Full PDB file with SEQRES, HELIX, SHEET, SSBOND, CRYST1, ORIGX, SCALE, CONECT and MASTER records, all heavy atoms in Angstrom:
SEQRES   1 A   35  VAL THR VAL VAL VAL HIS VAL PRO ARG ILE THR SER ASP          
SEQRES   2 A   35  ASP GLY ARG GLU ALA LEU ARG PRO LEU THR GLU TYR LEU          
SEQRES   3 A   35  SER GLU SER GLY ASP ASP GLY ASP ASP                          
HELIX    1 AA1 ASP A   13  LEU A   19  1                                   7    
HELIX    2 AA2 ARG A   20  TYR A   25  5                                   6    
CRYST1    1.000    1.000    1.000  90.00  90.00  90.00 P 1           1          
ORIGX1      1.000000  0.000000  0.000000        0.00000                         
ORIGX2      0.000000  1.000000  0.000000        0.00000                         
ORIGX3      0.000000  0.000000  1.000000        0.00000                         
SCALE1      1.000000  0.000000  0.000000        0.00000                         
SCALE2      0.000000  1.000000  0.000000        0.00000                         
SCALE3      0.000000  0.000000  1.000000        0.00000                         
ATOM      1  N   VAL A   1    -134.445 105.211   4.159  1.00  0.00           N  
ATOM      2  CA  VAL A   1    -134.581 104.042   4.961  1.00  0.00           C  
ATOM      3  C   VAL A   1    -133.164 103.703   5.537  1.00  0.00           C  
ATOM      4  O   VAL A   1    -132.252 103.430   4.766  1.00  0.00           O  
ATOM      5  CB  VAL A   1    -135.076 102.812   4.087  1.00  0.00           C  
ATOM      6  CG1 VAL A   1    -135.173 101.568   4.959  1.00  0.00           C  
ATOM      7  CG2 VAL A   1    -136.466 103.148   3.491  1.00  0.00           C  
ATOM      8  N   THR A   2    -133.063 103.786   6.835  1.00  0.00           N  
ATOM      9  CA  THR A   2    -131.796 103.500   7.480  1.00  0.00           C  
ATOM     10  C   THR A   2    -131.802 102.077   7.971  1.00  0.00           C  
ATOM     11  O   THR A   2    -132.699 101.607   8.693  1.00  0.00           O  
ATOM     12  CB  THR A   2    -131.568 104.464   8.733  1.00  0.00           C  
ATOM     13  OG1 THR A   2    -131.646 105.831   8.247  1.00  0.00           O  
ATOM     14  CG2 THR A   2    -130.243 104.215   9.378  1.00  0.00           C  
ATOM     15  N   VAL A   3    -130.739 101.320   7.609  1.00  0.00           N  
ATOM     16  CA  VAL A   3    -130.608  99.910   7.981  1.00  0.00           C  
ATOM     17  C   VAL A   3    -130.067  99.768   9.371  1.00  0.00           C  
ATOM     18  O   VAL A   3    -128.989 100.296   9.680  1.00  0.00           O  
ATOM     19  CB  VAL A   3    -129.730  99.134   6.937  1.00  0.00           C  
ATOM     20  CG1 VAL A   3    -129.590  97.685   7.407  1.00  0.00           C  
ATOM     21  CG2 VAL A   3    -130.341  99.210   5.578  1.00  0.00           C  
ATOM     22  N   VAL A   4    -130.790  99.028  10.219  1.00  0.00           N  
ATOM     23  CA  VAL A   4    -130.297  98.691  11.577  1.00  0.00           C  
ATOM     24  C   VAL A   4    -130.131  97.157  11.596  1.00  0.00           C  
ATOM     25  O   VAL A   4    -131.078  96.450  11.389  1.00  0.00           O  
ATOM     26  CB  VAL A   4    -131.297  99.127  12.653  1.00  0.00           C  
ATOM     27  CG1 VAL A   4    -130.790  98.691  13.977  1.00  0.00           C  
ATOM     28  CG2 VAL A   4    -131.478 100.633  12.601  1.00  0.00           C  
ATOM     29  N   VAL A   5    -128.905  96.720  11.819  1.00  0.00           N  
ATOM     30  CA  VAL A   5    -128.580  95.284  11.797  1.00  0.00           C  
ATOM     31  C   VAL A   5    -128.660  94.720  13.234  1.00  0.00           C  
ATOM     32  O   VAL A   5    -127.925  95.238  14.130  1.00  0.00           O  
ATOM     33  CB  VAL A   5    -127.211  94.967  11.190  1.00  0.00           C  
ATOM     34  CG1 VAL A   5    -126.912  93.519  11.235  1.00  0.00           C  
ATOM     35  CG2 VAL A   5    -127.184  95.521   9.745  1.00  0.00           C  
ATOM     36  N   HIS A   6    -129.486  93.730  13.442  1.00  0.00           N  
ATOM     37  CA  HIS A   6    -129.590  93.085  14.732  1.00  0.00           C  
ATOM     38  C   HIS A   6    -128.606  91.886  14.850  1.00  0.00           C  
ATOM     39  O   HIS A   6    -128.729  90.954  14.073  1.00  0.00           O  
ATOM     40  CB  HIS A   6    -130.990  92.610  14.972  1.00  0.00           C  
ATOM     41  CG  HIS A   6    -131.173  91.879  16.233  1.00  0.00           C  
ATOM     42  ND1 HIS A   6    -131.031  92.409  17.506  1.00  0.00           N  
ATOM     43  CD2 HIS A   6    -131.498  90.531  16.487  1.00  0.00           C  
ATOM     44  CE1 HIS A   6    -131.225  91.492  18.463  1.00  0.00           C  
ATOM     45  NE2 HIS A   6    -131.527  90.318  17.818  1.00  0.00           N  
ATOM     46  N   VAL A   7    -127.668  92.004  15.735  1.00  0.00           N  
ATOM     47  CA  VAL A   7    -126.715  90.921  15.959  1.00  0.00           C  
ATOM     48  C   VAL A   7    -127.099  90.183  17.206  1.00  0.00           C  
ATOM     49  O   VAL A   7    -127.043  90.738  18.335  1.00  0.00           O  
ATOM     50  CB  VAL A   7    -125.282  91.474  16.104  1.00  0.00           C  
ATOM     51  CG1 VAL A   7    -124.292  90.290  16.313  1.00  0.00           C  
ATOM     52  CG2 VAL A   7    -124.855  92.234  14.868  1.00  0.00           C  
ATOM     53  N   PRO A   8    -127.484  88.876  17.131  1.00  0.00           N  
ATOM     54  CA  PRO A   8    -127.897  88.127  18.319  1.00  0.00           C  
ATOM     55  C   PRO A   8    -126.724  87.766  19.199  1.00  0.00           C  
ATOM     56  O   PRO A   8    -125.573  87.669  18.681  1.00  0.00           O  
ATOM     57  CB  PRO A   8    -128.590  86.905  17.738  1.00  0.00           C  
ATOM     58  CG  PRO A   8    -127.929  86.694  16.394  1.00  0.00           C  
ATOM     59  CD  PRO A   8    -127.627  88.057  15.885  1.00  0.00           C  
ATOM     60  N   ARG A   9    -126.958  87.573  20.456  1.00  0.00           N  
ATOM     61  CA  ARG A   9    -125.882  87.135  21.374  1.00  0.00           C  
ATOM     62  C   ARG A   9    -125.744  85.633  21.258  1.00  0.00           C  
ATOM     63  O   ARG A   9    -126.716  84.873  21.104  1.00  0.00           O  
ATOM     64  CB  ARG A   9    -126.267  87.476  22.814  1.00  0.00           C  
ATOM     65  CG  ARG A   9    -126.276  88.962  23.101  1.00  0.00           C  
ATOM     66  CD  ARG A   9    -126.664  89.226  24.512  1.00  0.00           C  
ATOM     67  NE  ARG A   9    -126.677  90.620  24.867  1.00  0.00           N  
ATOM     68  CZ  ARG A   9    -125.594  91.345  25.225  1.00  0.00           C  
ATOM     69  NH1 ARG A   9    -124.421  90.700  25.331  1.00  0.00           N  
ATOM     70  NH2 ARG A   9    -125.671  92.657  25.485  1.00  0.00           N  
ATOM     71  N   ILE A  10    -124.469  85.177  21.340  1.00  0.00           N  
ATOM     72  CA  ILE A  10    -124.175  83.707  21.390  1.00  0.00           C  
ATOM     73  C   ILE A  10    -124.138  83.344  22.865  1.00  0.00           C  
ATOM     74  O   ILE A  10    -123.273  83.790  23.623  1.00  0.00           O  
ATOM     75  CB  ILE A  10    -122.875  83.369  20.695  1.00  0.00           C  
ATOM     76  CG1 ILE A  10    -122.905  83.897  19.244  1.00  0.00           C  
ATOM     77  CG2 ILE A  10    -122.572  81.908  20.744  1.00  0.00           C  
ATOM     78  CD1 ILE A  10    -121.613  83.707  18.482  1.00  0.00           C  
ATOM     79  N   THR A  11    -125.057  82.473  23.297  1.00  0.00           N  
ATOM     80  CA  THR A  11    -125.215  82.249  24.736  1.00  0.00           C  
ATOM     81  C   THR A  11    -124.481  81.034  25.249  1.00  0.00           C  
ATOM     82  O   THR A  11    -124.497  80.778  26.464  1.00  0.00           O  
ATOM     83  CB  THR A  11    -126.718  82.063  25.048  1.00  0.00           C  
ATOM     84  OG1 THR A  11    -127.233  80.962  24.254  1.00  0.00           O  
ATOM     85  CG2 THR A  11    -127.482  83.349  24.672  1.00  0.00           C  
ATOM     86  N   SER A  12    -123.779  80.292  24.362  1.00  0.00           N  
ATOM     87  CA  SER A  12    -123.081  79.069  24.883  1.00  0.00           C  
ATOM     88  C   SER A  12    -121.889  78.793  23.981  1.00  0.00           C  
ATOM     89  O   SER A  12    -121.779  79.244  22.875  1.00  0.00           O  
ATOM     90  CB  SER A  12    -124.027  77.851  24.840  1.00  0.00           C  
ATOM     91  OG  SER A  12    -124.351  77.508  23.516  1.00  0.00           O  
ATOM     92  N   ASP A  13    -120.986  77.998  24.579  1.00  0.00           N  
ATOM     93  CA  ASP A  13    -119.809  77.570  23.822  1.00  0.00           C  
ATOM     94  C   ASP A  13    -120.177  76.668  22.651  1.00  0.00           C  
ATOM     95  O   ASP A  13    -119.556  76.734  21.576  1.00  0.00           O  
ATOM     96  CB  ASP A  13    -118.816  76.783  24.748  1.00  0.00           C  
ATOM     97  CG  ASP A  13    -118.178  77.717  25.754  1.00  0.00           C  
ATOM     98  OD1 ASP A  13    -118.181  78.944  25.524  1.00  0.00           O  
ATOM     99  OD2 ASP A  13    -117.704  77.240  26.788  1.00  0.00           O  
ATOM    100  N   ASP A  14    -121.214  75.856  22.809  1.00  0.00           N  
ATOM    101  CA  ASP A  14    -121.627  74.975  21.736  1.00  0.00           C  
ATOM    102  C   ASP A  14    -122.158  75.841  20.534  1.00  0.00           C  
ATOM    103  O   ASP A  14    -121.826  75.490  19.342  1.00  0.00           O  
ATOM    104  CB  ASP A  14    -122.786  74.061  22.194  1.00  0.00           C  
ATOM    105  CG  ASP A  14    -122.288  73.012  23.165  1.00  0.00           C  
ATOM    106  OD1 ASP A  14    -121.051  72.766  23.197  1.00  0.00           O  
ATOM    107  OD2 ASP A  14    -123.120  72.418  23.902  1.00  0.00           O  
ATOM    108  N   GLY A  15    -122.858  76.876  20.854  1.00  0.00           N  
ATOM    109  CA  GLY A  15    -123.282  77.728  19.765  1.00  0.00           C  
ATOM    110  C   GLY A  15    -122.190  78.410  19.049  1.00  0.00           C  
ATOM    111  O   GLY A  15    -122.149  78.558  17.813  1.00  0.00           O  
ATOM    112  N   ARG A  16    -121.160  78.836  19.832  1.00  0.00           N  
ATOM    113  CA  ARG A  16    -120.001  79.487  19.242  1.00  0.00           C  
ATOM    114  C   ARG A  16    -119.265  78.538  18.332  1.00  0.00           C  
ATOM    115  O   ARG A  16    -118.805  78.878  17.236  1.00  0.00           O  
ATOM    116  CB  ARG A  16    -119.070  80.061  20.330  1.00  0.00           C  
ATOM    117  CG  ARG A  16    -117.959  80.876  19.826  1.00  0.00           C  
ATOM    118  CD  ARG A  16    -117.155  81.546  20.960  1.00  0.00           C  
ATOM    119  NE  ARG A  16    -117.972  82.614  21.608  1.00  0.00           N  
ATOM    120  CZ  ARG A  16    -118.566  82.453  22.778  1.00  0.00           C  
ATOM    121  NH1 ARG A  16    -118.465  81.300  23.450  1.00  0.00           N  
ATOM    122  NH2 ARG A  16    -119.251  83.459  23.308  1.00  0.00           N  
ATOM    123  N   GLU A  17    -119.117  77.274  18.784  1.00  0.00           N  
ATOM    124  CA  GLU A  17    -118.416  76.230  17.997  1.00  0.00           C  
ATOM    125  C   GLU A  17    -119.209  75.943  16.704  1.00  0.00           C  
ATOM    126  O   GLU A  17    -118.639  75.699  15.666  1.00  0.00           O  
ATOM    127  CB  GLU A  17    -118.237  74.965  18.812  1.00  0.00           C  
ATOM    128  CG  GLU A  17    -117.193  75.105  19.914  1.00  0.00           C  
ATOM    129  CD  GLU A  17    -115.826  75.440  19.346  1.00  0.00           C  
ATOM    130  OE1 GLU A  17    -115.424  74.910  18.291  1.00  0.00           O  
ATOM    131  OE2 GLU A  17    -115.114  76.278  19.981  1.00  0.00           O  
ATOM    132  N   ALA A  18    -120.541  75.936  16.814  1.00  0.00           N  
ATOM    133  CA  ALA A  18    -121.361  75.630  15.634  1.00  0.00           C  
ATOM    134  C   ALA A  18    -121.227  76.689  14.584  1.00  0.00           C  
ATOM    135  O   ALA A  18    -121.293  76.415  13.353  1.00  0.00           O  
ATOM    136  CB  ALA A  18    -122.820  75.497  16.040  1.00  0.00           C  
ATOM    137  N   LEU A  19    -121.009  77.937  15.001  1.00  0.00           N  
ATOM    138  CA  LEU A  19    -120.922  79.078  14.032  1.00  0.00           C  
ATOM    139  C   LEU A  19    -119.470  79.332  13.590  1.00  0.00           C  
ATOM    140  O   LEU A  19    -119.285  80.030  12.624  1.00  0.00           O  
ATOM    141  CB  LEU A  19    -121.475  80.340  14.677  1.00  0.00           C  
ATOM    142  CG  LEU A  19    -122.973  80.369  14.888  1.00  0.00           C  
ATOM    143  CD1 LEU A  19    -123.349  81.624  15.667  1.00  0.00           C  
ATOM    144  CD2 LEU A  19    -123.711  80.355  13.553  1.00  0.00           C  
ATOM    145  N   ARG A  20    -118.503  78.702  14.221  1.00  0.00           N  
ATOM    146  CA  ARG A  20    -117.095  78.916  13.873  1.00  0.00           C  
ATOM    147  C   ARG A  20    -116.803  78.647  12.451  1.00  0.00           C  
ATOM    148  O   ARG A  20    -116.096  79.500  11.782  1.00  0.00           O  
ATOM    149  CB  ARG A  20    -116.168  78.175  14.811  1.00  0.00           C  
ATOM    150  CG  ARG A  20    -114.702  78.596  14.703  1.00  0.00           C  
ATOM    151  CD  ARG A  20    -113.829  77.770  15.640  1.00  0.00           C  
ATOM    152  NE  ARG A  20    -114.261  77.969  17.032  1.00  0.00           N  
ATOM    153  CZ  ARG A  20    -113.916  79.012  17.784  1.00  0.00           C  
ATOM    154  NH1 ARG A  20    -113.186  79.991  17.255  1.00  0.00           N  
ATOM    155  NH2 ARG A  20    -114.331  79.121  18.999  1.00  0.00           N  
ATOM    156  N   PRO A  21    -117.295  77.600  11.806  1.00  0.00           N  
ATOM    157  CA  PRO A  21    -116.980  77.367  10.423  1.00  0.00           C  
ATOM    158  C   PRO A  21    -117.406  78.467   9.510  1.00  0.00           C  
ATOM    159  O   PRO A  21    -116.880  78.640   8.367  1.00  0.00           O  
ATOM    160  CB  PRO A  21    -117.718  76.073  10.050  1.00  0.00           C  
ATOM    161  CG  PRO A  21    -117.834  75.378  11.401  1.00  0.00           C  
ATOM    162  CD  PRO A  21    -118.065  76.445  12.397  1.00  0.00           C  
ATOM    163  N   LEU A  22    -118.375  79.272   9.926  1.00  0.00           N  
ATOM    164  CA  LEU A  22    -118.889  80.369   9.131  1.00  0.00           C  
ATOM    165  C   LEU A  22    -117.863  81.451   8.903  1.00  0.00           C  
ATOM    166  O   LEU A  22    -117.861  82.193   7.891  1.00  0.00           O  
ATOM    167  CB  LEU A  22    -120.143  80.942   9.776  1.00  0.00           C  
ATOM    168  CG  LEU A  22    -120.820  82.151   9.085  1.00  0.00           C  
ATOM    169  CD1 LEU A  22    -121.376  81.739   7.720  1.00  0.00           C  
ATOM    170  CD2 LEU A  22    -121.967  82.727   9.948  1.00  0.00           C  
ATOM    171  N   THR A  23    -116.924  81.562   9.820  1.00  0.00           N  
ATOM    172  CA  THR A  23    -115.995  82.737   9.788  1.00  0.00           C  
ATOM    173  C   THR A  23    -115.081  82.704   8.595  1.00  0.00           C  
ATOM    174  O   THR A  23    -114.574  83.716   8.158  1.00  0.00           O  
ATOM    175  CB  THR A  23    -115.135  82.741  11.112  1.00  0.00           C  
ATOM    176  OG1 THR A  23    -114.415  81.515  11.190  1.00  0.00           O  
ATOM    177  CG2 THR A  23    -116.024  82.915  12.329  1.00  0.00           C  
ATOM    178  N   GLU A  24    -114.836  81.493   8.029  1.00  0.00           N  
ATOM    179  CA  GLU A  24    -113.981  81.420   6.873  1.00  0.00           C  
ATOM    180  C   GLU A  24    -114.601  82.078   5.652  1.00  0.00           C  
ATOM    181  O   GLU A  24    -113.922  82.363   4.656  1.00  0.00           O  
ATOM    182  CB  GLU A  24    -113.543  80.046   6.570  1.00  0.00           C  
ATOM    183  CG  GLU A  24    -114.700  79.136   6.196  1.00  0.00           C  
ATOM    184  CD  GLU A  24    -114.282  77.696   5.934  1.00  0.00           C  
ATOM    185  OE1 GLU A  24    -113.864  77.406   4.781  1.00  0.00           O  
ATOM    186  OE2 GLU A  24    -114.349  76.864   6.841  1.00  0.00           O  
ATOM    187  N   TYR A  25    -115.912  82.300   5.683  1.00  0.00           N  
ATOM    188  CA  TYR A  25    -116.624  82.896   4.547  1.00  0.00           C  
ATOM    189  C   TYR A  25    -116.845  84.378   4.746  1.00  0.00           C  
ATOM    190  O   TYR A  25    -117.363  85.067   3.859  1.00  0.00           O  
ATOM    191  CB  TYR A  25    -117.977  82.197   4.324  1.00  0.00           C  
ATOM    192  CG  TYR A  25    -117.887  80.739   4.074  1.00  0.00           C  
ATOM    193  CD1 TYR A  25    -118.239  79.816   5.027  1.00  0.00           C  
ATOM    194  CD2 TYR A  25    -117.484  80.280   2.801  1.00  0.00           C  
ATOM    195  CE1 TYR A  25    -118.102  78.461   4.765  1.00  0.00           C  
ATOM    196  CE2 TYR A  25    -117.363  78.917   2.556  1.00  0.00           C  
ATOM    197  CZ  TYR A  25    -117.714  78.042   3.543  1.00  0.00           C  
ATOM    198  OH  TYR A  25    -117.641  76.678   3.314  1.00  0.00           O  
ATOM    199  N   LEU A  26    -116.428  84.907   5.879  1.00  0.00           N  
ATOM    200  CA  LEU A  26    -116.644  86.326   6.177  1.00  0.00           C  
ATOM    201  C   LEU A  26    -115.477  87.159   5.733  1.00  0.00           C  
ATOM    202  O   LEU A  26    -114.299  86.798   5.973  1.00  0.00           O  
ATOM    203  CB  LEU A  26    -116.880  86.522   7.664  1.00  0.00           C  
ATOM    204  CG  LEU A  26    -118.086  85.805   8.280  1.00  0.00           C  
ATOM    205  CD1 LEU A  26    -118.150  86.122   9.771  1.00  0.00           C  
ATOM    206  CD2 LEU A  26    -119.358  86.201   7.593  1.00  0.00           C  
ATOM    207  N   SER A  27    -115.759  88.272   5.058  1.00  0.00           N  
ATOM    208  CA  SER A  27    -114.702  89.232   4.635  1.00  0.00           C  
ATOM    209  C   SER A  27    -114.103  89.882   5.902  1.00  0.00           C  
ATOM    210  O   SER A  27    -114.826  90.183   6.855  1.00  0.00           O  
ATOM    211  CB  SER A  27    -115.287  90.270   3.721  1.00  0.00           C  
ATOM    212  OG  SER A  27    -114.355  91.322   3.461  1.00  0.00           O  
ATOM    213  N   GLU A  28    -112.817  90.107   5.844  1.00  0.00           N  
ATOM    214  CA  GLU A  28    -112.111  90.748   6.993  1.00  0.00           C  
ATOM    215  C   GLU A  28    -112.493  92.240   7.091  1.00  0.00           C  
ATOM    216  O   GLU A  28    -112.383  92.817   8.138  1.00  0.00           O  
ATOM    217  CB  GLU A  28    -110.618  90.595   6.820  1.00  0.00           C  
ATOM    218  CG  GLU A  28    -109.807  91.008   8.072  1.00  0.00           C  
ATOM    219  CD  GLU A  28    -110.054  90.135   9.246  1.00  0.00           C  
ATOM    220  OE1 GLU A  28    -110.088  88.885   9.068  1.00  0.00           O  
ATOM    221  OE2 GLU A  28    -110.252  90.677  10.358  1.00  0.00           O  
ATOM    222  N   SER A  29    -112.930  92.834   5.979  1.00  0.00           N  
ATOM    223  CA  SER A  29    -113.298  94.237   5.995  1.00  0.00           C  
ATOM    224  C   SER A  29    -114.653  94.408   5.329  1.00  0.00           C  
ATOM    225  O   SER A  29    -115.066  93.621   4.487  1.00  0.00           O  
ATOM    226  CB  SER A  29    -112.242  95.075   5.270  1.00  0.00           C  
ATOM    227  OG  SER A  29    -112.176  94.693   3.897  1.00  0.00           O  
ATOM    228  N   GLY A  30    -115.346  95.489   5.694  1.00  0.00           N  
ATOM    229  CA  GLY A  30    -116.633  95.761   5.100  1.00  0.00           C  
ATOM    230  C   GLY A  30    -116.446  96.359   3.713  1.00  0.00           C  
ATOM    231  O   GLY A  30    -115.366  96.768   3.311  1.00  0.00           O  
ATOM    232  N   ASP A  31    -117.548  96.427   2.976  1.00  0.00           N  
ATOM    233  CA  ASP A  31    -117.492  97.019   1.622  1.00  0.00           C  
ATOM    234  C   ASP A  31    -117.207  98.472   1.670  1.00  0.00           C  
ATOM    235  O   ASP A  31    -116.853  99.074   0.646  1.00  0.00           O  
ATOM    236  CB  ASP A  31    -118.881  96.772   0.948  1.00  0.00           C  
ATOM    237  CG  ASP A  31    -119.085  95.348   0.619  1.00  0.00           C  
ATOM    238  OD1 ASP A  31    -118.113  94.572   0.609  1.00  0.00           O  
ATOM    239  OD2 ASP A  31    -120.242  94.955   0.340  1.00  0.00           O  
ATOM    240  N   ASP A  32    -117.303  99.079   2.840  1.00  0.00           N  
ATOM    241  CA  ASP A  32    -117.045 100.555   2.916  1.00  0.00           C  
ATOM    242  C   ASP A  32    -115.562 100.779   3.126  1.00  0.00           C  
ATOM    243  O   ASP A  32    -115.188 101.955   3.274  1.00  0.00           O  
ATOM    244  CB  ASP A  32    -117.889 101.191   4.045  1.00  0.00           C  
ATOM    245  CG  ASP A  32    -117.593 100.552   5.391  1.00  0.00           C  
ATOM    246  OD1 ASP A  32    -116.706  99.644   5.422  1.00  0.00           O  
ATOM    247  OD2 ASP A  32    -118.219 100.924   6.393  1.00  0.00           O  
ATOM    248  N   GLY A  33    -114.711  99.757   3.095  1.00  0.00           N  
ATOM    249  CA  GLY A  33    -113.268  99.964   3.189  1.00  0.00           C  
ATOM    250  C   GLY A  33    -112.796 100.003   4.617  1.00  0.00           C  
ATOM    251  O   GLY A  33    -111.601 100.194   4.845  1.00  0.00           O  
ATOM    252  N   ASP A  34    -113.671  99.889   5.607  1.00  0.00           N  
ATOM    253  CA  ASP A  34    -113.276  99.905   6.995  1.00  0.00           C  
ATOM    254  C   ASP A  34    -112.787  98.506   7.384  1.00  0.00           C  
ATOM    255  O   ASP A  34    -113.543  97.571   7.396  1.00  0.00           O  
ATOM    256  CB  ASP A  34    -114.514 100.281   7.844  1.00  0.00           C  
ATOM    257  CG  ASP A  34    -114.174 100.344   9.338  1.00  0.00           C  
ATOM    258  OD1 ASP A  34    -112.946 100.211   9.638  1.00  0.00           O  
ATOM    259  OD2 ASP A  34    -115.134 100.507  10.114  1.00  0.00           O  
ATOM    260  N   ASP A  35    -111.484  98.411   7.711  1.00  0.00           N  
ATOM    261  CA  ASP A  35    -110.875  97.124   8.054  1.00  0.00           C  
ATOM    262  C   ASP A  35    -111.614  96.518   9.264  1.00  0.00           C  
ATOM    263  O   ASP A  35    -111.570  95.322   9.481  1.00  0.00           O  
ATOM    264  CB  ASP A  35    -109.411  97.262   8.317  1.00  0.00           C  
ATOM    265  CG  ASP A  35    -108.619  97.508   7.037  1.00  0.00           C  
ATOM    266  OD1 ASP A  35    -109.168  97.183   5.957  1.00  0.00           O  
ATOM    267  OD2 ASP A  35    -107.488  98.037   7.071  1.00  0.00           O  
TER     268      ASP A  35                                                      
MASTER        0    0    0    2    0    0    0    6  267    1    0    3          
END                                                                             
């Protein structure tokens, strides 16, 4: 089973601002060691 991740497009500045607080919880690198 191959995982395909669907990343939606952010269509507005308001949407980008609403999601900005989420970035502080995101790791800078993936678990596979790729920065």
